[in-house]
């Protein structure tokens, strides 16, 4: 299963200016927010994670809760954690005005978490 999404970074910037913490806390986990705040371009990082969450939902074939999907970095590569399962088939890219993500879900891409 494959999902792809592209996000206009200016759109994320506008939403952040309009809704601030309310938007951040609705869509992103605390760790995702902390990660982005360590970056030079916070909105770019958040837009990439937003795109990855959307791409993951498309790959799964259904709408999911934003905060149940967490994008994390493991060995400098993005991974998705959803319901105690890690998915490594995710790629995020940024280019000035846009962030894009592709998610591929297959049996080889899942890493079961125990405990």
Protein backbone atom coordinates (compact mmCIF):
# COMPACT_ATOMS: atom_id res chain seq x y z
CA UNK A 1 0.00 0.00 0.00
CA UNK A 2 1.31 3.44 -0.94
CA UNK A 3 0.34 6.94 0.14
CA UNK A 4 1.71 10.31 -0.95
CA UNK A 5 0.99 13.85 0.16
CA UNK A 6 2.33 17.31 -0.58
CA UNK A 7 1.90 20.33 1.70
CA UNK A 8 2.37 24.03 1.01
CA UNK A 9 4.62 25.18 3.86
CA UNK A 10 3.01 28.65 3.77
CA UNK A 11 -0.33 26.99 4.57
CA UNK A 12 1.13 25.43 7.72
CA UNK A 13 2.68 28.80 8.64
CA UNK A 14 -0.70 30.54 8.21
CA UNK A 15 -2.51 27.91 10.29
CA UNK A 16 0.13 28.18 13.03
CA UNK A 17 -0.23 31.97 13.09
CA UNK A 18 -4.01 31.73 13.21
CA UNK A 19 -4.48 28.86 15.68
CA UNK A 20 -1.07 28.53 17.38
CA UNK A 21 -0.85 25.94 20.12
CA UNK A 22 -4.39 24.72 19.45
CA UNK A 23 -3.38 23.52 15.97
CA UNK A 24 -0.05 22.08 17.13
CA UNK A 25 -1.62 20.13 19.99
CA UNK A 26 -4.42 18.78 17.80
CA UNK A 27 -2.15 17.41 15.06
CA UNK A 28 1.29 16.74 16.55
CA UNK A 29 2.62 14.79 19.51
CA UNK A 30 4.79 16.52 22.11
CA UNK A 31 7.87 14.80 20.71
CA UNK A 32 7.11 15.94 17.15
CA UNK A 33 6.72 19.53 18.35
CA UNK A 34 9.99 19.35 20.32
CA UNK A 35 11.80 17.90 17.29
CA UNK A 36 10.54 20.68 15.00
CA UNK A 37 11.40 23.40 17.51
CA UNK A 38 15.04 22.27 17.42
CA UNK A 39 15.13 22.86 13.66
CA UNK A 40 16.07 26.09 11.91
CA UNK A 41 12.84 26.01 9.86
CA UNK A 42 10.14 24.88 12.28
CA UNK A 43 7.24 25.20 9.82
CA UNK A 44 9.12 23.18 7.19
CA UNK A 45 9.67 20.35 9.64
CA UNK A 46 6.05 20.36 10.78
CA UNK A 47 4.81 20.48 7.19
CA UNK A 48 6.89 17.39 6.41
CA UNK A 49 5.43 15.54 9.37
CA UNK A 50 1.92 16.68 8.43
CA UNK A 51 2.47 15.32 4.90
CA UNK A 52 3.79 12.03 6.32
CA UNK A 53 0.70 11.62 8.51
CA UNK A 54 -1.59 12.30 5.53
CA UNK A 55 0.41 9.89 3.33
CA UNK A 56 0.19 7.22 6.05
CA UNK A 57 -3.60 7.62 6.23
CA UNK A 58 -3.82 7.28 2.45
CA UNK A 59 -1.69 4.13 2.54
CA UNK A 60 -3.87 2.70 5.31
CA UNK A 61 -6.99 3.58 3.32
CA UNK A 62 -8.81 5.40 6.10
CA UNK A 63 -8.86 8.53 8.26
CA UNK A 64 -6.97 8.06 11.53
CA UNK A 65 -6.44 10.19 14.61
CA UNK A 66 -3.63 12.70 13.98
CA UNK A 67 -1.94 12.15 17.32
CA UNK A 68 -2.04 8.35 17.11
CA UNK A 69 0.42 8.67 14.22
CA UNK A 70 3.85 9.79 15.41
CA UNK A 71 6.72 10.57 13.07
CA UNK A 72 10.05 9.92 14.77
CA UNK A 73 13.68 9.82 13.75
CA UNK A 74 15.64 6.59 14.17
CA UNK A 75 19.22 6.65 12.92
CA UNK A 76 18.47 9.97 11.16
CA UNK A 77 15.63 8.38 9.13
CA UNK A 78 11.91 9.03 9.63
CA UNK A 79 9.71 6.24 10.94
CA UNK A 80 6.03 6.14 11.76
CA UNK A 81 4.75 4.74 15.04
CA UNK A 82 1.07 3.78 15.00
CA UNK A 83 -0.56 1.66 17.71
CA UNK A 84 2.75 0.28 19.03
CA UNK A 85 3.97 -0.69 15.55
CA UNK A 86 6.86 1.00 13.76
CA UNK A 87 6.73 1.54 10.01
CA UNK A 88 9.98 2.37 8.29
CA UNK A 89 8.72 2.86 4.72
CA UNK A 90 8.45 6.64 4.94
CA UNK A 91 10.31 9.39 3.13
CA UNK A 92 9.97 13.14 3.75
CA UNK A 93 11.42 15.89 1.60
CA UNK A 94 11.26 19.72 1.64
CA UNK A 95 11.90 22.25 -1.09
CA UNK A 96 11.44 25.90 -0.15
CA UNK A 97 7.66 26.18 -0.57
CA UNK A 98 6.61 22.52 -0.28
CA UNK A 99 7.02 19.44 1.85
CA UNK A 100 6.22 16.02 0.44
CA UNK A 101 6.04 12.54 1.90
CA UNK A 102 5.66 9.04 0.50
CA UNK A 103 4.69 6.09 2.70
CA UNK A 104 4.92 2.46 1.62
CA UNK A 105 3.38 -0.13 3.91
CA UNK A 106 4.21 -3.79 3.46
CA UNK A 107 5.12 -6.67 5.75
CA UNK A 108 8.84 -5.91 5.43
CA UNK A 109 8.25 -2.27 6.42
CA UNK A 110 6.66 -3.09 9.78
CA UNK A 111 8.70 -3.57 12.90
CA UNK A 112 6.64 -4.95 15.75
CA UNK A 113 7.20 -3.21 19.07
CA UNK A 114 6.99 -5.34 22.17
CA UNK A 115 6.05 -3.64 25.41
